[in-house]
Amino acid sequence: MGKTQEETMSNPFIPKDAKLHALTRAEEENCFKELKANALEACQVPIKDFVDCSKEHNVTVMFTCRSKLKIMNNCLKERTSEEELDKLKLAKLSNKLKQ
């Protein structure tokens, strides 16, 4: 008699009665979208400052708005880090496990 598909695909290092939980690809993509939305919301003021500056200084934007660009990028970078993404994923996984 041959092995069933479940028996051939099971991981020998994980007990058969262990329950594994992971996020689906769609759930991970939703975490990434949520991360970006949260960052844009949290950084509204620095983004607006840079956009306003860039509208005022079309040709010289790279020189005159450099500090505002740096502030905006730092704000976005802080809120879109791997650490922040991991926090969101863990929260989603925790909610998934509660269900």
PDB file of N, CA and C in Angstrom:
ATOM      1  N   MET A   1       0.824  -1.179   0.000  1.00  0.00           N
ATOM      2  CA  MET A   1       0.000   0.000   0.000  1.00  0.00           C
ATOM      3  C   MET A   1       0.877   1.254   0.000  1.00  0.00           C
ATOM      4  N   GLY A   2       0.512   2.252  -0.802  1.00  0.00           N
ATOM      5  CA  GLY A   2       1.278   3.487  -0.875  1.00  0.00           C
ATOM      6  C   GLY A   2       0.878   4.457   0.224  1.00  0.00           C
ATOM      7  N   LYS A   3       1.730   5.432   0.401  1.00  0.00           N
ATOM      8  CA  LYS A   3       1.439   6.455   1.405  1.00  0.00           C
ATOM      9  C   LYS A   3       0.439   7.454   0.843  1.00  0.00           C
ATOM     10  N   THR A   4      -0.342   8.048   1.744  1.00  0.00           N
ATOM     11  CA  THR A   4      -1.271   9.086   1.313  1.00  0.00           C
ATOM     12  C   THR A   4      -0.482  10.357   1.031  1.00  0.00           C
ATOM     13  N   GLN A   5      -1.108  11.288   0.344  1.00  0.00           N
ATOM     14  CA  GLN A   5      -0.439  12.545   0.012  1.00  0.00           C
ATOM     15  C   GLN A   5      -0.047  13.296   1.278  1.00  0.00           C
ATOM     16  N   GLU A   6      -0.886  13.267   2.299  1.00  0.00           N
ATOM     17  CA  GLU A   6      -0.588  13.953   3.557  1.00  0.00           C
ATOM     18  C   GLU A   6       0.649  13.352   4.212  1.00  0.00           C
ATOM     19  N   GLU A   7       0.795  12.050   4.165  1.00  0.00           N
ATOM     20  CA  GLU A   7       1.944  11.385   4.783  1.00  0.00           C
ATOM     21  C   GLU A   7       3.235  11.707   4.039  1.00  0.00           C
ATOM     22  N   THR A   8       3.185  11.808   2.723  1.00  0.00           N
ATOM     23  CA  THR A   8       4.398  12.085   1.965  1.00  0.00           C
ATOM     24  C   THR A   8       4.802  13.544   2.050  1.00  0.00           C
ATOM     25  N   MET A   9       3.854  14.433   2.316  1.00  0.00           N
ATOM     26  CA  MET A   9       4.153  15.861   2.345  1.00  0.00           C
ATOM     27  C   MET A   9       4.347  16.398   3.753  1.00  0.00           C
ATOM     28  N   SER A  10       4.197  15.571   4.756  1.00  0.00           N
ATOM     29  CA  SER A  10       4.312  16.062   6.118  1.00  0.00           C
ATOM     30  C   SER A  10       5.778  16.284   6.487  1.00  0.00           C
ATOM     31  N   ASN A  11       5.979  17.199   7.404  1.00  0.00           N
ATOM     32  CA  ASN A  11       7.321  17.512   7.885  1.00  0.00           C
ATOM     33  C   ASN A  11       7.669  16.554   9.017  1.00  0.00           C
ATOM     34  N   PRO A  12       8.752  15.788   8.890  1.00  0.00           N
ATOM     35  CA  PRO A  12       9.082  14.806   9.921  1.00  0.00           C
ATOM     36  C   PRO A  12       9.538  15.435  11.243  1.00  0.00           C
ATOM     37  N   PHE A  13       9.881  16.706  11.228  1.00  0.00           N
ATOM     38  CA  PHE A  13      10.389  17.366  12.432  1.00  0.00           C
ATOM     39  C   PHE A  13       9.286  18.010  13.269  1.00  0.00           C
ATOM     40  N   ILE A  14       8.072  18.010  12.744  1.00  0.00           N
ATOM     41  CA  ILE A  14       6.953  18.610  13.456  1.00  0.00           C
ATOM     42  C   ILE A  14       5.989  17.495  13.841  1.00  0.00           C
ATOM     43  N   PRO A  15       5.619  17.417  15.110  1.00  0.00           N
ATOM     44  CA  PRO A  15       4.683  16.370  15.538  1.00  0.00           C
ATOM     45  C   PRO A  15       3.376  16.441  14.736  1.00  0.00           C
ATOM     46  N   LYS A  16       2.799  15.293  14.467  1.00  0.00           N
ATOM     47  CA  LYS A  16       1.574  15.216  13.652  1.00  0.00           C
ATOM     48  C   LYS A  16       0.408  15.959  14.302  1.00  0.00           C
ATOM     49  N   ASP A  17       0.375  16.015  15.628  1.00  0.00           N
ATOM     50  CA  ASP A  17      -0.741  16.677  16.303  1.00  0.00           C
ATOM     51  C   ASP A  17      -0.529  18.179  16.489  1.00  0.00           C
ATOM     52  N   ALA A  18       0.622  18.697  16.086  1.00  0.00           N
ATOM     53  CA  ALA A  18       0.902  20.131  16.232  1.00  0.00           C
ATOM     54  C   ALA A  18       0.058  20.911  15.222  1.00  0.00           C
ATOM     55  N   LYS A  19      -0.475  22.038  15.683  1.00  0.00           N
ATOM     56  CA  LYS A  19      -1.252  22.894  14.797  1.00  0.00           C
ATOM     57  C   LYS A  19      -0.385  24.063  14.362  1.00  0.00           C
ATOM     58  N   LEU A  20      -0.144  24.153  13.077  1.00  0.00           N
ATOM     59  CA  LEU A  20       0.646  25.251  12.537  1.00  0.00           C
ATOM     60  C   LEU A  20      -0.292  26.320  11.997  1.00  0.00           C
ATOM     61  N   HIS A  21       0.041  27.545  12.243  1.00  0.00           N
ATOM     62  CA  HIS A  21      -0.760  28.644  11.738  1.00  0.00           C
ATOM     63  C   HIS A  21       0.166  29.642  11.080  1.00  0.00           C
ATOM     64  N   ALA A  22      -0.222  30.048   9.903  1.00  0.00           N
ATOM     65  CA  ALA A  22       0.549  31.049   9.181  1.00  0.00           C
ATOM     66  C   ALA A  22      -0.419  31.930   8.416  1.00  0.00           C
ATOM     67  N   LEU A  23       0.076  33.086   8.016  1.00  0.00           N
ATOM     68  CA  LEU A  23      -0.739  33.989   7.224  1.00  0.00           C
ATOM     69  C   LEU A  23      -0.693  33.553   5.765  1.00  0.00           C
ATOM     70  N   THR A  24      -1.791  33.724   5.099  1.00  0.00           N
ATOM     71  CA  THR A  24      -1.812  33.449   3.667  1.00  0.00           C
ATOM     72  C   THR A  24      -1.114  34.590   2.940  1.00  0.00           C
ATOM     73  N   ARG A  25      -0.825  34.389   1.680  1.00  0.00           N
ATOM     74  CA  ARG A  25      -0.180  35.439   0.894  1.00  0.00           C
ATOM     75  C   ARG A  25      -1.068  36.688   0.836  1.00  0.00           C
ATOM     76  N   ALA A  26      -2.362  36.485   0.700  1.00  0.00           N
ATOM     77  CA  ALA A  26      -3.294  37.620   0.648  1.00  0.00           C
ATOM     78  C   ALA A  26      -3.286  38.389   1.971  1.00  0.00           C
ATOM     79  N   GLU A  27      -3.220  37.666   3.089  1.00  0.00           N
ATOM     80  CA  GLU A  27      -3.181  38.332   4.398  1.00  0.00           C
ATOM     81  C   GLU A  27      -1.881  39.116   4.563  1.00  0.00           C
ATOM     82  N   GLU A  28      -0.781  38.566   4.062  1.00  0.00           N
ATOM     83  CA  GLU A  28       0.498  39.290   4.130  1.00  0.00           C
ATOM     84  C   GLU A  28       0.454  40.546   3.275  1.00  0.00           C
ATOM     85  N   GLU A  29      -0.149  40.444   2.092  1.00  0.00           N
ATOM     86  CA  GLU A  29      -0.282  41.621   1.227  1.00  0.00           C
ATOM     87  C   GLU A  29      -1.158  42.683   1.877  1.00  0.00           C
ATOM     88  N   ASN A  30      -2.204  42.250   2.568  1.00  0.00           N
ATOM     89  CA  ASN A  30      -3.052  43.201   3.292  1.00  0.00           C
ATOM     90  C   ASN A  30      -2.280  43.894   4.408  1.00  0.00           C
ATOM     91  N   CYS A  31      -1.389  43.162   5.069  1.00  0.00           N
ATOM     92  CA  CYS A  31      -0.540  43.766   6.104  1.00  0.00           C
ATOM     93  C   CYS A  31       0.341  44.847   5.492  1.00  0.00           C
ATOM     94  N   PHE A  32       0.896  44.553   4.323  1.00  0.00           N
ATOM     95  CA  PHE A  32       1.767  45.522   3.655  1.00  0.00           C
ATOM     96  C   PHE A  32       0.973  46.758   3.235  1.00  0.00           C
ATOM     97  N   LYS A  33      -0.232  46.567   2.714  1.00  0.00           N
ATOM     98  CA  LYS A  33      -1.076  47.698   2.332  1.00  0.00           C
ATOM     99  C   LYS A  33      -1.453  48.531   3.553  1.00  0.00           C
ATOM    100  N   GLU A  34      -1.761  47.854   4.648  1.00  0.00           N
ATOM    101  CA  GLU A  34      -2.110  48.549   5.888  1.00  0.00           C
ATOM    102  C   GLU A  34      -0.912  49.335   6.424  1.00  0.00           C
ATOM    103  N   LEU A  35       0.274  48.745   6.317  1.00  0.00           N
ATOM    104  CA  LEU A  35       1.502  49.414   6.752  1.00  0.00           C
ATOM    105  C   LEU A  35       1.697  50.714   5.969  1.00  0.00           C
ATOM    106  N   LYS A  36       1.533  50.644   4.653  1.00  0.00           N
ATOM    107  CA  LYS A  36       1.698  51.844   3.825  1.00  0.00           C
ATOM    108  C   LYS A  36       0.641  52.890   4.142  1.00  0.00           C
ATOM    109  N   ALA A  37      -0.596  52.458   4.323  1.00  0.00           N
ATOM    110  CA  ALA A  37      -1.671  53.398   4.642  1.00  0.00           C
ATOM    111  C   ALA A  37      -1.423  54.078   5.987  1.00  0.00           C
ATOM    112  N   ASN A  38      -0.976  53.298   6.969  1.00  0.00           N
ATOM    113  CA  ASN A  38      -0.666  53.866   8.290  1.00  0.00           C
ATOM    114  C   ASN A  38       0.467  54.881   8.198  1.00  0.00           C
ATOM    115  N   ALA A  39       1.483  54.566   7.400  1.00  0.00           N
ATOM    116  CA  ALA A  39       2.621  55.469   7.246  1.00  0.00           C
ATOM    117  C   ALA A  39       2.193  56.772   6.577  1.00  0.00           C
ATOM    118  N   LEU A  40       1.394  56.664   5.529  1.00  0.00           N
ATOM    119  CA  LEU A  40       0.926  57.873   4.845  1.00  0.00           C
ATOM    120  C   LEU A  40       0.067  58.737   5.759  1.00  0.00           C
ATOM    121  N   GLU A  41      -0.740  58.097   6.577  1.00  0.00           N
ATOM    122  CA  GLU A  41      -1.581  58.840   7.513  1.00  0.00           C
ATOM    123  C   GLU A  41      -0.733  59.525   8.591  1.00  0.00           C
ATOM    124  N   ALA A  42       0.241  58.804   9.117  1.00  0.00           N
ATOM    125  CA  ALA A  42       1.081  59.351  10.188  1.00  0.00           C
ATOM    126  C   ALA A  42       2.012  60.454   9.684  1.00  0.00           C
ATOM    127  N   CYS A  43       2.351  60.414   8.411  1.00  0.00           N
ATOM    128  CA  CYS A  43       3.314  61.380   7.854  1.00  0.00           C
ATOM    129  C   CYS A  43       2.645  62.435   6.980  1.00  0.00           C
ATOM    130  N   GLN A  44       1.384  62.695   7.207  1.00  0.00           N
ATOM    131  CA  GLN A  44       0.661  63.664   6.383  1.00  0.00           C
ATOM    132  C   GLN A  44       1.307  65.042   6.381  1.00  0.00           C
ATOM    133  N   VAL A  45       1.719  65.511   7.537  1.00  0.00           N
ATOM    134  CA  VAL A  45       2.278  66.864   7.634  1.00  0.00           C
ATOM    135  C   VAL A  45       3.609  66.976   6.885  1.00  0.00           C
ATOM    136  N   PRO A  46       4.591  66.073   7.128  1.00  0.00           N
ATOM    137  CA  PRO A  46       5.834  66.178   6.354  1.00  0.00           C
ATOM    138  C   PRO A  46       5.622  66.014   4.845  1.00  0.00           C
ATOM    139  N   ILE A  47       4.686  65.165   4.447  1.00  0.00           N
ATOM    140  CA  ILE A  47       4.409  64.988   3.014  1.00  0.00           C
ATOM    141  C   ILE A  47       3.835  66.276   2.435  1.00  0.00           C
ATOM    142  N   LYS A  48       2.879  66.870   3.152  1.00  0.00           N
ATOM    143  CA  LYS A  48       2.266  68.113   2.689  1.00  0.00           C
ATOM    144  C   LYS A  48       3.306  69.230   2.604  1.00  0.00           C
ATOM    145  N   ASP A  49       4.194  69.316   3.604  1.00  0.00           N
ATOM    146  CA  ASP A  49       5.243  70.335   3.585  1.00  0.00           C
ATOM    147  C   ASP A  49       6.130  70.192   2.352  1.00  0.00           C
ATOM    148  N   PHE A  50       6.515  68.963   2.030  1.00  0.00           N
ATOM    149  CA  PHE A  50       7.373  68.741   0.867  1.00  0.00           C
ATOM    150  C   PHE A  50       6.628  69.045  -0.429  1.00  0.00           C
ATOM    151  N   VAL A  51       5.384  68.617  -0.536  1.00  0.00           N
ATOM    152  CA  VAL A  51       4.599  68.878  -1.752  1.00  0.00           C
ATOM    153  C   VAL A  51       4.420  70.375  -1.958  1.00  0.00           C
ATOM    154  N   ASP A  52       4.092  71.088  -0.897  1.00  0.00           N
ATOM    155  CA  ASP A  52       3.935  72.548  -1.004  1.00  0.00           C
ATOM    156  C   ASP A  52       5.231  73.210  -1.437  1.00  0.00           C
ATOM    157  N   CYS A  53       6.336  72.769  -0.849  1.00  0.00           N
ATOM    158  CA  CYS A  53       7.643  73.330  -1.208  1.00  0.00           C
ATOM    159  C   CYS A  53       7.967  73.039  -2.673  1.00  0.00           C
ATOM    160  N   SER A  54       7.681  71.823  -3.103  1.00  0.00           N
ATOM    161  CA  SER A  54       8.004  71.460  -4.490  1.00  0.00           C
ATOM    162  C   SER A  54       7.144  72.231  -5.495  1.00  0.00           C
ATOM    163  N   LYS A  55       5.927  72.599  -5.098  1.00  0.00           N
ATOM    164  CA  LYS A  55       5.073  73.392  -5.985  1.00  0.00           C
ATOM    165  C   LYS A  55       5.612  74.813  -6.121  1.00  0.00           C
ATOM    166  N   GLU A  56       6.188  75.331  -5.044  1.00  0.00           N
ATOM    167  CA  GLU A  56       6.710  76.695  -5.040  1.00  0.00           C
ATOM    168  C   GLU A  56       8.029  76.803  -5.797  1.00  0.00           C
ATOM    169  N   HIS A  57       8.823  75.748  -5.761  1.00  0.00           N
ATOM    170  CA  HIS A  57      10.180  75.795  -6.335  1.00  0.00           C
ATOM    171  C   HIS A  57      10.350  74.704  -7.396  1.00  0.00           C
ATOM    172  N   ASN A  58       9.715  74.893  -8.534  1.00  0.00           N
ATOM    173  CA  ASN A  58       9.744  73.870  -9.581  1.00  0.00           C
ATOM    174  C   ASN A  58      11.153  73.468  -9.995  1.00  0.00           C
ATOM    175  N   VAL A  59      11.941  74.400 -10.411  1.00  0.00           N
ATOM    176  CA  VAL A  59      13.254  74.105 -10.966  1.00  0.00           C
ATOM    177  C   VAL A  59      14.270  73.788  -9.880  1.00  0.00           C
ATOM    178  N   THR A  60      14.209  74.486  -8.778  1.00  0.00           N
ATOM    179  CA  THR A  60      15.217  74.336  -7.721  1.00  0.00           C
ATOM    180  C   THR A  60      14.751  73.439  -6.581  1.00  0.00           C
ATOM    181  N   VAL A  61      13.773  72.590  -6.852  1.00  0.00           N
ATOM    182  CA  VAL A  61      13.188  71.763  -5.794  1.00  0.00           C
ATOM    183  C   VAL A  61      14.227  70.900  -5.090  1.00  0.00           C
ATOM    184  N   MET A  62      15.161  70.335  -5.810  1.00  0.00           N
ATOM    185  CA  MET A  62      16.160  69.449  -5.203  1.00  0.00           C
ATOM    186  C   MET A  62      17.061  70.187  -4.207  1.00  0.00           C
ATOM    187  N   PHE A  63      17.244  71.462  -4.397  1.00  0.00           N
ATOM    188  CA  PHE A  63      18.114  72.224  -3.495  1.00  0.00           C
ATOM    189  C   PHE A  63      17.331  72.882  -2.368  1.00  0.00           C
ATOM    190  N   THR A  64      16.219  73.519  -2.722  1.00  0.00           N
ATOM    191  CA  THR A  64      15.485  74.287  -1.713  1.00  0.00           C
ATOM    192  C   THR A  64      14.613  73.426  -0.802  1.00  0.00           C
ATOM    193  N   CYS A  65      14.204  72.266  -1.269  1.00  0.00           N
ATOM    194  CA  CYS A  65      13.300  71.428  -0.474  1.00  0.00           C
ATOM    195  C   CYS A  65      13.987  70.184   0.077  1.00  0.00           C
ATOM    196  N   ARG A  66      15.291  70.150   0.021  1.00  0.00           N
ATOM    197  CA  ARG A  66      16.034  68.966   0.458  1.00  0.00           C
ATOM    198  C   ARG A  66      15.739  68.598   1.913  1.00  0.00           C
ATOM    199  N   SER A  67      15.687  69.573   2.796  1.00  0.00           N
ATOM    200  CA  SER A  67      15.453  69.270   4.217  1.00  0.00           C
ATOM    201  C   SER A  67      14.045  68.706   4.425  1.00  0.00           C
ATOM    202  N   LYS A  68      13.070  69.262   3.703  1.00  0.00           N
ATOM    203  CA  LYS A  68      11.698  68.758   3.825  1.00  0.00           C
ATOM    204  C   LYS A  68      11.586  67.345   3.250  1.00  0.00           C
ATOM    205  N   LEU A  69      12.312  67.075   2.180  1.00  0.00           N
ATOM    206  CA  LEU A  69      12.340  65.737   1.598  1.00  0.00           C
ATOM    207  C   LEU A  69      12.939  64.735   2.583  1.00  0.00           C
ATOM    208  N   LYS A  70      14.001  65.160   3.230  1.00  0.00           N
ATOM    209  CA  LYS A  70      14.666  64.283   4.201  1.00  0.00           C
ATOM    210  C   LYS A  70      13.744  63.968   5.384  1.00  0.00           C
ATOM    211  N   ILE A  71      13.048  64.969   5.873  1.00  0.00           N
ATOM    212  CA  ILE A  71      12.107  64.777   6.984  1.00  0.00           C
ATOM    213  C   ILE A  71      10.985  63.829   6.567  1.00  0.00           C
ATOM    214  N   MET A  72      10.439  64.042   5.362  1.00  0.00           N
ATOM    215  CA  MET A  72       9.363  63.186   4.865  1.00  0.00           C
ATOM    216  C   MET A  72       9.856  61.739   4.717  1.00  0.00           C
ATOM    217  N   ASN A  73      11.018  61.557   4.102  1.00  0.00           N
ATOM    218  CA  ASN A  73      11.555  60.205   3.906  1.00  0.00           C
ATOM    219  C   ASN A  73      11.845  59.508   5.228  1.00  0.00           C
ATOM    220  N   ASN A  74      12.384  60.231   6.193  1.00  0.00           N
ATOM    221  CA  ASN A  74      12.661  59.638   7.504  1.00  0.00           C
ATOM    222  C   ASN A  74      11.372  59.195   8.195  1.00  0.00           C
ATOM    223  N   CYS A  75      10.344  60.024   8.081  1.00  0.00           N
ATOM    224  CA  CYS A  75       9.050  59.679   8.679  1.00  0.00           C
ATOM    225  C   CYS A  75       8.504  58.398   8.050  1.00  0.00           C
ATOM    226  N   LEU A  76       8.514  58.341   6.724  1.00  0.00           N
ATOM    227  CA  LEU A  76       8.004  57.160   6.026  1.00  0.00           C
ATOM    228  C   LEU A  76       8.857  55.928   6.304  1.00  0.00           C
ATOM    229  N   LYS A  77      10.158  56.129   6.362  1.00  0.00           N
ATOM    230  CA  LYS A  77      11.077  55.012   6.598  1.00  0.00           C
ATOM    231  C   LYS A  77      10.851  54.389   7.982  1.00  0.00           C
ATOM    232  N   GLU A  78      10.641  55.235   8.986  1.00  0.00           N
ATOM    233  CA  GLU A  78      10.393  54.743  10.345  1.00  0.00           C
ATOM    234  C   GLU A  78       9.126  53.907  10.414  1.00  0.00           C
ATOM    235  N   ARG A  79       8.126  54.308   9.659  1.00  0.00           N
ATOM    236  CA  ARG A  79       6.817  53.656   9.753  1.00  0.00           C
ATOM    237  C   ARG A  79       6.605  52.520   8.753  1.00  0.00           C
ATOM    238  N   THR A  80       7.589  52.282   7.880  1.00  0.00           N
ATOM    239  CA  THR A  80       7.486  51.174   6.925  1.00  0.00           C
ATOM    240  C   THR A  80       8.647  50.193   7.084  1.00  0.00           C
ATOM    241  N   SER A  81       9.199  50.136   8.268  1.00  0.00           N
ATOM    242  CA  SER A  81      10.323  49.231   8.515  1.00  0.00           C
ATOM    243  C   SER A  81       9.846  47.779   8.611  1.00  0.00           C
ATOM    244  N   GLU A  82      10.780  46.870   8.500  1.00  0.00           N
ATOM    245  CA  GLU A  82      10.472  45.441   8.650  1.00  0.00           C
ATOM    246  C   GLU A  82       9.880  45.166  10.029  1.00  0.00           C
ATOM    247  N   GLU A  83      10.381  45.877  11.030  1.00  0.00           N
ATOM    248  CA  GLU A  83       9.895  45.707  12.398  1.00  0.00           C
ATOM    249  C   GLU A  83       8.407  46.055  12.497  1.00  0.00           C
ATOM    250  N   GLU A  84       8.014  47.158  11.868  1.00  0.00           N
ATOM    251  CA  GLU A  84       6.606  47.563  11.883  1.00  0.00           C
ATOM    252  C   GLU A  84       5.744  46.561  11.120  1.00  0.00           C
ATOM    253  N   LEU A  85       6.267  46.054  10.003  1.00  0.00           N
ATOM    254  CA  LEU A  85       5.538  45.052   9.228  1.00  0.00           C
ATOM    255  C   LEU A  85       5.379  43.767  10.033  1.00  0.00           C
ATOM    256  N   ASP A  86       6.424  43.380  10.738  1.00  0.00           N
ATOM    257  CA  ASP A  86       6.351  42.181  11.578  1.00  0.00           C
ATOM    258  C   ASP A  86       5.323  42.342  12.692  1.00  0.00           C
ATOM    259  N   LYS A  87       5.231  43.541  13.260  1.00  0.00           N
ATOM    260  CA  LYS A  87       4.231  43.795  14.302  1.00  0.00           C
ATOM    261  C   LYS A  87       2.819  43.594  13.761  1.00  0.00           C
ATOM    262  N   LEU A  88       2.580  44.106  12.557  1.00  0.00           N
ATOM    263  CA  LEU A  88       1.268  43.938  11.945  1.00  0.00           C
ATOM    264  C   LEU A  88       0.975  42.471  11.657  1.00  0.00           C
ATOM    265  N   LYS A  89       1.970  41.762  11.145  1.00  0.00           N
ATOM    266  CA  LYS A  89       1.783  40.344  10.834  1.00  0.00           C
ATOM    267  C   LYS A  89       1.489  39.548  12.100  1.00  0.00           C
ATOM    268  N   LEU A  90       2.210  39.850  13.170  1.00  0.00           N
ATOM    269  CA  LEU A  90       1.977  39.144  14.431  1.00  0.00           C
ATOM    270  C   LEU A  90       0.587  39.433  14.984  1.00  0.00           C
ATOM    271  N   ALA A  91       0.140  40.668  14.851  1.00  0.00           N
ATOM    272  CA  ALA A  91      -1.203  41.023  15.311  1.00  0.00           C
ATOM    273  C   ALA A  91      -2.262  40.271  14.498  1.00  0.00           C
ATOM    274  N   LYS A  92      -2.063  40.200  13.182  1.00  0.00           N
ATOM    275  CA  LYS A  92      -3.009  39.466  12.322  1.00  0.00           C
ATOM    276  C   LYS A  92      -3.004  37.986  12.674  1.00  0.00           C
ATOM    277  N   LEU A  93      -1.826  37.438  12.906  1.00  0.00           N
ATOM    278  CA  LEU A  93      -1.714  36.021  13.245  1.00  0.00           C
ATOM    279  C   LEU A  93      -2.371  35.746  14.591  1.00  0.00           C
ATOM    280  N   SER A  94      -2.191  36.648  15.542  1.00  0.00           N
ATOM    281  CA  SER A  94      -2.802  36.500  16.861  1.00  0.00           C
ATOM    282  C   SER A  94      -4.319  36.508  16.747  1.00  0.00           C
ATOM    283  N   ASN A  95      -4.848  37.436  15.938  1.00  0.00           N
ATOM    284  CA  ASN A  95      -6.300  37.481  15.719  1.00  0.00           C
ATOM    285  C   ASN A  95      -6.792  36.226  15.032  1.00  0.00           C
ATOM    286  N   LYS A  96      -6.001  35.709  14.128  1.00  0.00           N
ATOM    287  CA  LYS A  96      -6.366  34.487  13.390  1.00  0.00           C
ATOM    288  C   LYS A  96      -6.421  33.292  14.351  1.00  0.00           C
ATOM    289  N   LEU A  97      -5.498  33.237  15.290  1.00  0.00           N
ATOM    290  CA  LEU A  97      -5.456  32.138  16.232  1.00  0.00           C
ATOM    291  C   LEU A  97      -6.618  32.173  17.222  1.00  0.00           C
ATOM    292  N   LYS A  98      -7.110  33.366  17.526  1.00  0.00           N
ATOM    293  CA  LYS A  98      -8.225  33.535  18.453  1.00  0.00           C
ATOM    294  C   LYS A  98      -9.535  33.045  17.858  1.00  0.00           C
ATOM    295  N   GLN A  99      -9.609  33.028  16.547  1.00  0.00           N
ATOM    296  CA  GLN A  99     -10.866  32.645  15.883  1.00  0.00           C
ATOM    297  C   GLN A  99     -11.072  31.163  15.873  1.00  0.00           C
TER     298      GLN A  99
END
